[in-house]
Amino acid sequence: MSRFLASTLLAAGLVLAGCNASPPPPAPAPAPAAPKTLPPLVDDLQQRTFRWFWDHAREDNGLIPDRTPHVEPFSSIAAIGFGLTAYAIGVERGWVTREEARERTLKVLRYLRSLPMGASFEDDAGYHGFYYHFLGLANGRRYARWVEVSSVDTALLLGGVLFAQAYYDRDDAAEGEIRDLADQLYRAVEWPWLQERAPLISMGWVPEDGIISHDWEGYNEAMLVYILALGSPTHPVDPTAWSAWTRTYARSYGEFHGQKYLSFAPHFGHQYSHAWIDFRGIQDAWMRKEGFDYFENSRRATLAQRAYAIANPMGWKGYDGDVWGLTASDGPRVTTQIYNLQPRQFRHYSARGAGIADAFDDGTLAPTAAAASIAFAPEIVIPAIEAMHARYGEAIWREHGFVDAFNPSFTWTDAPAKTGHVDPQLGWIDDNYIGIDQGPIVLMIENHRNAFVWNVMKRNPYIRKGLERAGFTGGWLDQPVPVAKNAP
């Protein structure tokens, strides 16, 4: 029920043939608030991280790799969703032109729309509108037999698709085509198909075994799955899906390191849905009962992460009030070593986190856990960005920003790392960048600066509809819906 589990399943989300419905015209942007001035290092981090997406998208089809520099021959569809949003941020920040971003966006949307859907083992890109988690970079088909059609990765892809639909609002053929393609991709997803145990939604499907037996429940990154499923104009799920989802919160709600909140140990669960949706001031029935909102929940989770690092119950090297952050990320390798006279288990790519349940901590720190939380708690995140950079320098800071992860406690040079290298003083340091860790950094820095992604998404009627059908009220949802610029 985490990105870790979802990344052993695979993602989903293609299009149905013959979908010719016209998309709703986008609404105009609200008057922007005065942007916050950020330290030069944070600006530099955002631009370097944006460049990862810009530099690594394939020229022929626009697909974005799962990771670099050790490029496996597959694309992450979730990384594409983050990339589509990052391109527009690049326009707003002046790093690329609108024409350049529009061309890249069109290229990948056209390619995704052209890919086949079906139940074959390896000749399709997805099924019932959902995409496989990983697509071959060159051919756009299911990458391998271990890859699943994934509801959450499809939702992350669609976050970027619907963002593009709202952002590219000009009256010209190219931007009109972006809006049309985005509408086709979203309308094609048959959300009820994955409700084998309705009203909950399954994590996905594999052709060899059928619908995956695990549903999205508890509390995690799947808020976006349910909101998109509720907002669908063609294949919506019943509002009881949201009620069923929130009924599973009990196991996740409680106090941890001085904060009472809905907990999900790997911190990406508190970031992903928030990258596109502004939860400030809006509440569903569950949050109205508790008296706060999901944005405040993520803030509390971020404060608890830092408090856990200060307490450092496992005695790891490098944890303190300035350097902290656990999420799903790379790690040194799968091994057991003696640390502080105790056997400790280490992992490579894995979900890591601190929380009420499902926690795992092997001393590995991921910069995205802190950096992508800047909108929630800038007063502790900005110092963390600066401290990581000052303490480890070029060891973890490179052309595309922070490497995915590092572990100051893992100093066993006789245990070769799966990625990166082991330094006897600094510990294990990754040399990889992972798209689903890079994306939240770019998006959330911009949301903190000026709410740009949030404000664009507020103009998308499908997002509003999904939130309203989930029972959200208050805040920006109670404001009048803007009149669409291109309305007939």
Protein backbone atom coordinates (compact mmCIF):
# COMPACT_ATOMS: atom_id res chain seq x y z
CA MET A 1 0.00 0.00 0.00
CA SER A 2 3.01 2.25 -0.43
CA ARG A 3 5.10 3.35 -3.36
CA PHE A 4 7.44 0.50 -2.41
CA LEU A 5 4.69 -2.07 -2.84
CA ALA A 6 3.29 -0.29 -5.85
CA SER A 7 6.74 -0.30 -7.44
CA THR A 8 6.79 -4.09 -7.31
CA LEU A 9 3.37 -4.18 -8.97
CA LEU A 10 3.42 -1.63 -11.84
CA ALA A 11 1.47 1.17 -13.22
CA ALA A 12 -1.47 1.82 -15.46
CA GLY A 13 -3.47 4.26 -17.47
CA LEU A 14 -3.93 4.26 -21.29
CA VAL A 15 -6.71 5.41 -23.55
CA LEU A 16 -9.79 3.86 -25.10
CA ALA A 17 -10.06 3.98 -28.87
CA GLY A 18 -12.68 6.22 -30.35
CA CYS A 19 -12.95 8.70 -27.46
CA ASN A 20 -13.92 11.89 -29.28
CA ALA A 21 -15.52 13.90 -26.48
CA SER A 22 -14.39 17.50 -26.39
CA PRO A 23 -12.60 18.66 -23.24
CA PRO A 24 -14.08 21.44 -21.17
CA PRO A 25 -12.40 24.77 -21.89
CA PRO A 26 -9.95 25.81 -19.18
CA ALA A 27 -10.71 28.65 -16.80
CA PRO A 28 -8.44 31.67 -16.57
CA ALA A 29 -5.74 31.81 -13.92
CA PRO A 30 -6.48 33.80 -10.76
CA ALA A 31 -4.42 36.87 -10.04
CA PRO A 32 -1.12 35.56 -8.65
CA ALA A 33 -0.06 36.35 -5.11
CA ALA A 34 3.32 37.95 -4.53
CA PRO A 35 5.87 35.12 -4.76
CA LYS A 36 8.11 34.29 -1.83
CA THR A 37 11.81 35.05 -2.17
CA LEU A 38 13.79 31.86 -1.57
CA PRO A 39 17.49 31.43 -0.78
CA PRO A 40 19.71 31.09 -3.87
CA LEU A 41 20.52 27.49 -2.95
CA VAL A 42 16.83 26.53 -3.07
CA ASP A 43 16.43 28.24 -6.44
CA ASP A 44 19.49 26.38 -7.69
CA LEU A 45 18.17 23.06 -6.38
CA GLN A 46 14.87 23.55 -8.19
CA GLN A 47 16.51 24.44 -11.49
CA ARG A 48 19.01 21.57 -11.32
CA THR A 49 16.22 19.13 -10.49
CA PHE A 50 14.03 20.48 -13.29
CA ARG A 51 16.94 19.91 -15.67
CA TRP A 52 16.88 16.22 -14.86
CA PHE A 53 13.48 15.93 -16.55
CA TRP A 54 14.41 18.24 -19.40
CA ASP A 55 17.73 16.55 -20.13
CA HIS A 56 16.55 12.94 -20.00
CA ALA A 57 13.21 12.78 -21.84
CA ARG A 58 13.59 10.70 -25.00
CA GLU A 59 13.73 12.80 -28.13
CA ASP A 60 11.63 10.47 -30.27
CA ASN A 61 8.64 9.79 -27.99
CA GLY A 62 9.00 12.00 -24.91
CA LEU A 63 9.09 9.14 -22.39
CA ILE A 64 11.04 9.83 -19.20
CA PRO A 65 13.30 7.14 -17.72
CA ASP A 66 12.71 5.73 -14.27
CA ARG A 67 16.24 6.67 -13.19
CA THR A 68 19.66 7.82 -14.37
CA PRO A 69 22.61 7.59 -14.93
CA HIS A 70 22.22 3.82 -14.80
CA VAL A 71 19.41 3.96 -17.33
CA GLU A 72 17.32 0.82 -17.37
CA PRO A 73 15.48 0.52 -20.68
CA PHE A 74 12.14 1.51 -19.18
CA SER A 75 10.13 4.62 -18.45
CA SER A 76 8.19 5.34 -15.27
CA ILE A 77 4.72 6.62 -16.11
CA ALA A 78 4.60 8.42 -12.76
CA ALA A 79 7.82 10.25 -13.66
CA ILE A 80 6.11 11.38 -16.88
CA GLY A 81 3.34 12.96 -14.78
CA PHE A 82 5.88 14.88 -12.73
CA GLY A 83 7.77 15.84 -15.88
CA LEU A 84 4.72 17.25 -17.63
CA THR A 85 4.18 19.54 -14.66
CA ALA A 86 7.87 20.42 -14.34
CA TYR A 87 7.97 21.60 -17.97
CA ALA A 88 5.45 24.35 -17.23
CA ILE A 89 7.38 25.37 -14.12
CA GLY A 90 10.39 25.72 -16.38
CA VAL A 91 8.38 28.09 -18.56
CA GLU A 92 7.27 30.20 -15.61
CA ARG A 93 10.80 30.36 -14.22
CA GLY A 94 12.28 31.30 -17.61
CA TRP A 95 14.41 28.18 -18.06
CA VAL A 96 12.66 27.09 -21.28
CA THR A 97 10.18 28.71 -23.62
CA ARG A 98 6.48 27.96 -23.69
CA GLU A 99 6.90 26.70 -27.25
CA GLU A 100 9.61 24.24 -26.18
CA ALA A 101 7.54 22.94 -23.28
CA ARG A 102 4.43 22.71 -25.45
CA GLU A 103 6.29 20.67 -28.06
CA ARG A 104 7.55 18.20 -25.48
CA THR A 105 4.13 17.90 -23.90
CA LEU A 106 2.44 17.25 -27.22
CA LYS A 107 5.02 14.65 -28.16
CA VAL A 108 4.50 12.48 -25.11
CA LEU A 109 0.70 12.89 -25.03
CA ARG A 110 0.42 11.91 -28.69
CA TYR A 111 2.64 8.90 -28.06
CA LEU A 112 0.71 7.73 -25.01
CA ARG A 113 -2.57 8.11 -26.89
CA SER A 114 -1.24 6.00 -29.77
CA LEU A 115 -0.16 3.02 -27.66
CA PRO A 116 -2.24 -0.19 -27.71
CA MET A 117 -4.39 -1.34 -24.80
CA GLY A 118 -5.23 -4.96 -24.15
CA ALA A 119 -4.79 -8.12 -22.12
CA SER A 120 -1.66 -9.49 -23.81
CA PHE A 121 1.36 -10.38 -21.71
CA GLU A 122 3.79 -8.03 -23.42
CA ASP A 123 2.34 -6.33 -26.51
CA ASP A 124 0.27 -3.63 -24.82
CA ALA A 125 0.91 -0.47 -22.82
CA GLY A 126 -2.00 -0.98 -20.44
CA TYR A 127 -5.56 -2.16 -20.03
CA HIS A 128 -8.94 -0.46 -19.52
CA GLY A 129 -7.28 2.93 -19.78
CA PHE A 130 -4.70 2.23 -17.05
CA TYR A 131 -1.01 2.05 -17.97
CA TYR A 132 1.69 -0.34 -16.91
CA HIS A 133 3.96 1.03 -14.20
CA PHE A 134 7.01 0.72 -16.45
CA LEU A 135 6.96 1.02 -20.24
CA GLY A 136 9.82 0.14 -22.56
CA LEU A 137 11.62 3.38 -23.40
CA ALA A 138 11.89 2.49 -27.06
CA ASN A 139 8.57 0.71 -27.72
CA GLY A 140 6.14 1.94 -25.05
CA ARG A 141 4.96 -1.59 -24.18
CA ARG A 142 4.93 -3.45 -20.85
CA TYR A 143 8.57 -3.64 -19.91
CA ALA A 144 8.70 -7.11 -18.31
CA ARG A 145 6.55 -9.87 -16.83
CA TRP A 146 7.07 -8.47 -13.31
CA VAL A 147 5.43 -5.16 -14.26
CA GLU A 148 1.81 -4.53 -13.30
CA VAL A 149 -0.89 -2.20 -14.50
CA SER A 150 -0.89 0.29 -11.63
CA SER A 151 -3.74 2.47 -10.42
CA VAL A 152 -1.54 4.82 -8.38
CA ASP A 153 1.12 5.34 -11.04
CA THR A 154 -1.61 5.97 -13.58
CA ALA A 155 -3.02 8.58 -11.18
CA LEU A 156 0.38 10.27 -10.90
CA LEU A 157 0.64 10.30 -14.69
CA LEU A 158 -2.83 11.83 -14.89
CA GLY A 159 -1.87 14.48 -12.36
CA GLY A 160 0.55 15.81 -14.95
CA VAL A 161 -1.86 15.22 -17.84
CA LEU A 162 -4.67 17.21 -16.22
CA PHE A 163 -2.22 19.90 -15.17
CA ALA A 164 -1.21 20.27 -18.83
CA GLN A 165 -4.87 20.44 -19.82
CA ALA A 166 -5.41 23.41 -17.51
CA TYR A 167 -2.08 25.16 -18.13
CA TYR A 168 -2.05 25.22 -21.94
CA ASP A 169 -5.07 27.47 -22.34
CA ARG A 170 -4.27 29.51 -25.42
CA ASP A 171 -6.46 29.70 -28.51
CA ASP A 172 -4.14 27.92 -30.92
CA ALA A 173 -4.12 24.48 -32.52
CA ALA A 174 -1.23 23.05 -30.53
CA GLU A 175 -2.57 23.97 -27.11
CA GLY A 176 -6.07 22.92 -28.14
CA GLU A 177 -4.66 19.52 -29.09
CA ILE A 178 -2.98 19.21 -25.68
CA ARG A 179 -6.32 19.84 -24.00
CA ASP A 180 -8.07 17.32 -26.25
CA LEU A 181 -5.45 14.60 -25.76
CA ALA A 182 -5.46 15.11 -22.00
CA ASP A 183 -9.23 14.73 -21.98
CA GLN A 184 -9.08 11.53 -24.00
CA LEU A 185 -6.47 9.98 -21.71
CA TYR A 186 -8.41 10.79 -18.55
CA ARG A 187 -11.82 9.78 -19.91
CA ALA A 188 -10.43 6.43 -21.05
CA VAL A 189 -9.63 5.15 -17.54
CA GLU A 190 -12.26 2.69 -16.34
CA TRP A 191 -11.90 3.12 -12.58
CA PRO A 192 -14.68 0.67 -11.57
CA TRP A 193 -12.83 -2.14 -13.35
CA LEU A 194 -10.37 -2.23 -10.43
CA GLN A 195 -13.14 -2.35 -7.81
CA GLU A 196 -13.23 -6.11 -7.48
CA ARG A 197 -13.87 -5.60 -3.77
CA ALA A 198 -15.95 -2.45 -4.16
CA PRO A 199 -16.06 0.26 -3.08
CA LEU A 200 -12.28 0.18 -2.51
CA ILE A 201 -9.96 0.36 -5.54
CA SER A 202 -7.29 -2.25 -6.19
CA MET A 203 -3.63 -1.43 -6.63
CA GLY A 204 -3.69 -2.84 -10.14
CA TRP A 205 -3.76 -5.85 -12.43
CA VAL A 206 -1.36 -8.31 -14.04
CA PRO A 207 -2.32 -10.38 -17.08
CA GLU A 208 -0.91 -13.57 -15.57
CA ASP A 209 -2.95 -13.38 -12.34
CA GLY A 210 -5.73 -10.81 -12.73
CA ILE A 211 -6.64 -7.98 -10.38
CA ILE A 212 -4.21 -7.53 -7.51
CA SER A 213 -5.59 -8.67 -4.16
CA HIS A 214 -4.47 -5.53 -2.28
CA ASP A 215 -6.73 -2.48 -2.24
CA TRP A 216 -5.86 1.12 -1.46
CA GLU A 217 -6.67 1.54 2.22
CA GLY A 218 -5.13 2.89 5.39
CA TYR A 219 -3.63 6.30 4.67
CA ASN A 220 -1.06 6.86 1.95
CA GLU A 221 -0.52 8.49 -1.44
CA ALA A 222 -3.76 7.07 -2.87
CA MET A 223 -5.86 10.17 -2.13
CA LEU A 224 -5.15 11.18 -5.73
CA VAL A 225 -6.41 7.80 -7.01
CA TYR A 226 -9.78 8.21 -5.33
CA ILE A 227 -10.19 11.89 -6.23
CA LEU A 228 -9.50 11.20 -9.92
CA ALA A 229 -11.81 8.18 -9.87
CA LEU A 230 -14.59 10.25 -8.30
CA GLY A 231 -14.14 13.09 -10.80
CA SER A 232 -14.31 10.97 -13.95
CA PRO A 233 -16.99 12.10 -16.42
CA THR A 234 -17.09 8.66 -18.08
CA HIS A 235 -16.25 5.91 -15.57
CA PRO A 236 -16.66 7.34 -12.05
CA VAL A 237 -16.75 5.38 -8.84
CA ASP A 238 -19.47 5.91 -6.26
CA PRO A 239 -18.81 8.40 -3.42
CA THR A 240 -18.93 5.44 -1.03
CA ALA A 241 -15.39 4.73 -2.24
CA TRP A 242 -14.13 7.77 -0.34
CA SER A 243 -16.11 6.82 2.75
CA ALA A 244 -14.63 3.32 2.62
CA TRP A 245 -11.15 4.78 2.17
CA THR A 246 -11.44 7.06 5.20
CA ARG A 247 -12.92 4.26 7.33
CA THR A 248 -9.52 2.54 7.11
CA TYR A 249 -7.74 5.52 8.73
CA ALA A 250 -8.07 4.19 12.29
CA ARG A 251 -4.92 2.09 12.07
CA SER A 252 -2.92 5.13 10.96
CA TYR A 253 -4.16 7.87 13.29
CA GLY A 254 -2.39 8.64 16.54
CA GLU A 255 0.50 10.44 18.16
CA PHE A 256 4.11 10.09 17.08
CA HIS A 257 6.98 12.20 18.35
CA GLY A 258 4.74 14.92 19.69
CA GLN A 259 2.39 15.18 16.71
CA LYS A 260 -1.12 13.77 16.35
CA TYR A 261 -1.83 13.00 12.71
CA LEU A 262 -2.67 10.42 10.07
CA SER A 263 0.62 8.65 9.69
CA PHE A 264 2.26 6.99 6.73
CA ALA A 265 5.87 6.19 7.49
CA PRO A 266 7.54 6.77 4.08
CA HIS A 267 7.19 10.50 3.64
CA PHE A 268 6.21 10.45 -0.05
CA GLY A 269 2.72 9.43 1.11
CA HIS A 270 2.41 12.90 2.64
CA GLN A 271 3.70 14.63 -0.51
CA TYR A 272 2.45 13.07 -3.76
CA SER A 273 -1.24 14.02 -3.77
CA HIS A 274 -0.31 17.45 -2.37
CA ALA A 275 2.02 18.13 -5.28
CA TRP A 276 -1.06 18.82 -7.46
CA ILE A 277 -3.93 19.51 -5.05
CA ASP A 278 -4.08 22.40 -2.58
CA PHE A 279 -5.59 20.89 0.56
CA ARG A 280 -5.23 24.10 2.58
CA GLY A 281 -8.55 25.07 4.12
CA ILE A 282 -10.65 22.33 2.53
CA GLN A 283 -11.98 19.40 4.54
CA ASP A 284 -13.81 16.15 4.00
CA ALA A 285 -16.10 14.65 6.65
CA TRP A 286 -13.20 12.94 8.42
CA MET A 287 -11.13 16.11 8.70
CA ARG A 288 -14.13 18.21 9.74
CA LYS A 289 -14.59 15.80 12.64
CA GLU A 290 -10.94 16.09 13.65
CA GLY A 291 -10.73 19.86 13.19
CA PHE A 292 -7.81 20.27 10.77
CA ASP A 293 -7.03 19.57 7.10
CA TYR A 294 -4.77 17.31 5.05
CA PHE A 295 -2.21 20.06 4.51
CA GLU A 296 -1.87 20.46 8.27
CA ASN A 297 -1.63 16.68 8.49
CA SER A 298 1.39 16.70 6.19
CA ARG A 299 2.90 19.55 8.18
CA ARG A 300 2.58 17.52 11.37
CA ALA A 301 4.08 14.49 9.66
CA THR A 302 7.04 16.60 8.55
CA LEU A 303 7.61 17.95 12.06
CA ALA A 304 7.43 14.39 13.41
CA GLN A 305 10.04 13.24 10.87
CA ARG A 306 12.48 15.83 12.13
CA ALA A 307 11.68 15.05 15.78
CA TYR A 308 12.37 11.38 15.08
CA ALA A 309 15.78 12.26 13.60
CA ILE A 310 16.64 14.34 16.67
CA ALA A 311 15.65 11.46 18.97
CA ASN A 312 17.50 9.01 16.69
CA PRO A 313 16.38 5.89 18.58
CA MET A 314 18.58 3.57 16.50
CA GLY A 315 21.69 5.67 16.94
CA TRP A 316 22.44 6.25 13.26
CA LYS A 317 25.27 8.54 12.24
CA GLY A 318 24.33 11.93 10.76
CA TYR A 319 20.78 12.19 12.11
CA ASP A 320 19.96 15.48 13.84
CA GLY A 321 17.70 18.52 13.66
CA ASP A 322 19.38 19.76 10.49
CA VAL A 323 19.75 16.56 8.46
CA TRP A 324 16.72 14.29 8.35
CA GLY A 325 14.25 12.63 5.99
CA LEU A 326 13.07 9.07 5.37
CA THR A 327 11.03 7.91 2.40
CA ALA A 328 11.14 5.28 -0.34
CA SER A 329 14.56 5.58 -1.92
CA ASP A 330 17.72 3.82 -2.95
CA GLY A 331 19.92 2.37 -0.24
CA PRO A 332 23.34 0.68 -0.04
CA ARG A 333 22.46 -2.98 -0.66
CA VAL A 334 20.63 -5.94 0.86
CA THR A 335 22.87 -7.11 3.67
CA THR A 336 23.14 -7.51 7.43
CA GLN A 337 26.04 -5.83 9.22
CA ILE A 338 27.02 -5.32 12.84
CA TYR A 339 26.44 -1.71 13.86
CA ASN A 340 26.84 -0.52 17.45
CA LEU A 341 27.31 -4.16 18.47
CA GLN A 342 23.94 -5.12 16.97
CA PRO A 343 23.03 -6.87 13.71
CA ARG A 344 21.28 -4.37 11.46
CA GLN A 345 19.44 -5.04 8.21
CA PHE A 346 20.13 -2.80 5.21
CA ARG A 347 18.29 -2.61 1.90
CA HIS A 348 18.72 -1.21 -1.58
CA TYR A 349 15.57 0.36 -3.06
CA SER A 350 12.96 0.19 -0.33
CA ALA A 351 10.29 2.08 1.53
CA ARG A 352 11.81 3.73 4.58
CA GLY A 353 10.09 5.90 7.12
CA ALA A 354 9.21 6.87 10.65
CA GLY A 355 5.62 6.71 11.80
CA ILE A 356 2.97 4.86 13.74
CA ALA A 357 3.18 1.73 11.59
CA ASP A 358 5.08 0.22 8.66
CA ALA A 359 8.31 1.96 9.62
CA PHE A 360 11.76 0.87 8.49
CA ASP A 361 14.99 2.73 9.15
CA ASP A 362 18.44 1.54 8.07
CA GLY A 363 20.21 4.88 8.37
CA THR A 364 19.51 5.94 4.77
CA LEU A 365 18.53 9.57 4.24
CA ALA A 366 16.74 10.82 1.12
CA PRO A 367 16.95 14.57 0.36
CA THR A 368 13.53 14.51 -1.32
CA ALA A 369 11.86 13.61 1.99
CA ALA A 370 12.85 17.00 3.40
CA ALA A 371 13.14 19.16 0.27
CA ALA A 372 9.72 18.21 -1.13
CA SER A 373 8.14 19.14 2.22
CA ILE A 374 9.12 22.80 1.88
CA ALA A 375 5.52 23.96 1.45
CA PHE A 376 4.49 22.27 4.71
CA ALA A 377 7.27 23.44 7.02
CA PRO A 378 9.70 25.83 5.32
CA GLU A 379 11.18 26.88 8.66
CA ILE A 380 12.76 23.44 9.09
CA VAL A 381 13.09 22.37 5.44
CA ILE A 382 15.16 25.29 4.15
CA PRO A 383 17.76 24.81 6.93
CA ALA A 384 17.81 21.09 6.12
CA ILE A 385 18.54 21.78 2.42
CA GLU A 386 21.31 24.16 3.40
CA ALA A 387 22.76 21.79 6.02
CA MET A 388 22.87 18.78 3.69
CA HIS A 389 24.62 20.87 1.07
CA ALA A 390 27.08 22.36 3.56
CA ARG A 391 27.86 19.10 5.35
CA TYR A 392 28.30 16.78 2.37
CA GLY A 393 28.91 19.16 -0.52
CA GLU A 394 29.75 17.72 -3.92
CA ALA A 395 29.56 14.19 -2.54
CA ILE A 396 25.75 14.40 -2.74
CA TRP A 397 25.23 17.61 -4.81
CA ARG A 398 25.77 17.27 -8.53
CA GLU A 399 24.58 18.44 -11.93
CA HIS A 400 20.94 17.55 -11.27
CA GLY A 401 20.79 18.48 -7.60
CA PHE A 402 20.92 16.09 -4.68
CA VAL A 403 21.56 12.42 -5.48
CA ASP A 404 18.70 10.15 -4.50
CA ALA A 405 20.02 9.06 -1.10
CA PHE A 406 23.00 8.61 1.19
CA ASN A 407 23.78 6.66 4.37
CA PRO A 408 26.51 8.05 6.66
CA SER A 409 26.39 4.92 8.84
CA PHE A 410 27.17 2.43 6.05
CA THR A 411 30.97 2.48 5.92
CA TRP A 412 31.69 -1.16 5.06
CA THR A 413 33.88 -0.85 1.97
CA ASP A 414 34.06 -4.64 1.67
CA ALA A 415 30.29 -4.75 1.00
CA PRO A 416 29.98 -3.36 -2.55
CA ALA A 417 26.99 -1.09 -3.03
CA LYS A 418 24.36 -1.87 -5.66
CA THR A 419 24.46 1.74 -6.84
CA GLY A 420 26.84 4.50 -5.87
CA HIS A 421 29.88 3.83 -3.69
CA VAL A 422 30.97 3.47 -0.08
CA ASP A 423 33.34 6.03 1.39
CA PRO A 424 35.03 4.96 4.66
CA GLN A 425 34.38 8.39 6.19
CA LEU A 426 31.19 9.67 4.54
CA GLY A 427 29.47 6.30 4.20
CA TRP A 428 27.38 5.11 1.26
CA ILE A 429 26.51 7.74 -1.35
CA ASP A 430 24.20 7.05 -4.25
CA ASP A 431 24.99 8.20 -7.78
CA ASN A 432 21.46 7.74 -9.12
CA TYR A 433 18.52 10.10 -9.62
CA ILE A 434 14.98 8.68 -9.54
CA GLY A 435 12.18 10.52 -11.35
CA ILE A 436 9.51 10.04 -8.68
CA ASP A 437 11.88 11.53 -6.10
CA GLN A 438 13.01 14.40 -8.33
CA GLY A 439 9.49 15.46 -9.31
CA PRO A 440 8.10 16.39 -5.89
CA ILE A 441 11.12 18.63 -5.26
CA VAL A 442 10.43 20.74 -8.36
CA LEU A 443 6.67 20.94 -7.83
CA MET A 444 6.65 21.63 -4.11
CA ILE A 445 9.30 24.33 -4.23
CA GLU A 446 7.08 26.13 -6.76
CA ASN A 447 3.97 25.59 -4.65
CA HIS A 448 5.78 27.12 -1.70
CA ARG A 449 7.02 30.02 -3.81
CA ASN A 450 3.68 31.03 -5.32
CA ALA A 451 1.15 28.13 -5.28
CA PHE A 452 1.59 27.87 -9.05
CA VAL A 453 0.77 24.17 -9.54
CA TRP A 454 -2.08 24.33 -7.05
CA ASN A 455 -3.62 27.38 -8.70
CA VAL A 456 -3.47 25.84 -12.17
CA MET A 457 -5.10 22.64 -10.93
CA LYS A 458 -7.91 24.59 -9.27
CA ARG A 459 -8.99 25.53 -12.80
CA ASN A 460 -9.46 21.89 -13.80
CA PRO A 461 -13.14 20.96 -13.40
CA TYR A 462 -12.37 17.26 -12.93
CA ILE A 463 -10.27 17.93 -9.83
CA ARG A 464 -12.98 20.11 -8.34
CA LYS A 465 -15.65 17.53 -9.11
CA GLY A 466 -13.62 14.72 -7.55
CA LEU A 467 -13.06 16.69 -4.37
CA GLU A 468 -16.71 17.69 -4.12
CA ARG A 469 -17.93 14.12 -4.64
CA ALA A 470 -15.54 13.07 -1.86
CA GLY A 471 -17.33 15.54 0.39
CA PHE A 472 -14.73 18.31 0.54
CA THR A 473 -15.99 21.80 1.33
CA GLY A 474 -14.56 25.12 2.43
CA GLY A 475 -11.65 27.25 1.29
CA TRP A 476 -11.21 27.66 -2.44
CA LEU A 477 -13.97 25.10 -3.15
CA ASP A 478 -16.53 27.56 -1.78
CA GLN A 479 -15.40 30.29 -4.17
CA PRO A 480 -17.25 30.77 -7.49
CA VAL A 481 -16.02 28.64 -10.36
CA PRO A 482 -14.16 30.95 -12.80
CA VAL A 483 -15.77 31.49 -16.19
CA ALA A 484 -13.78 29.60 -18.83
CA LYS A 485 -11.95 31.85 -21.25
CA ASN A 486 -12.91 29.79 -24.27
CA ALA A 487 -16.48 29.07 -23.26
CA PRO A 488 -18.90 29.26 -26.22
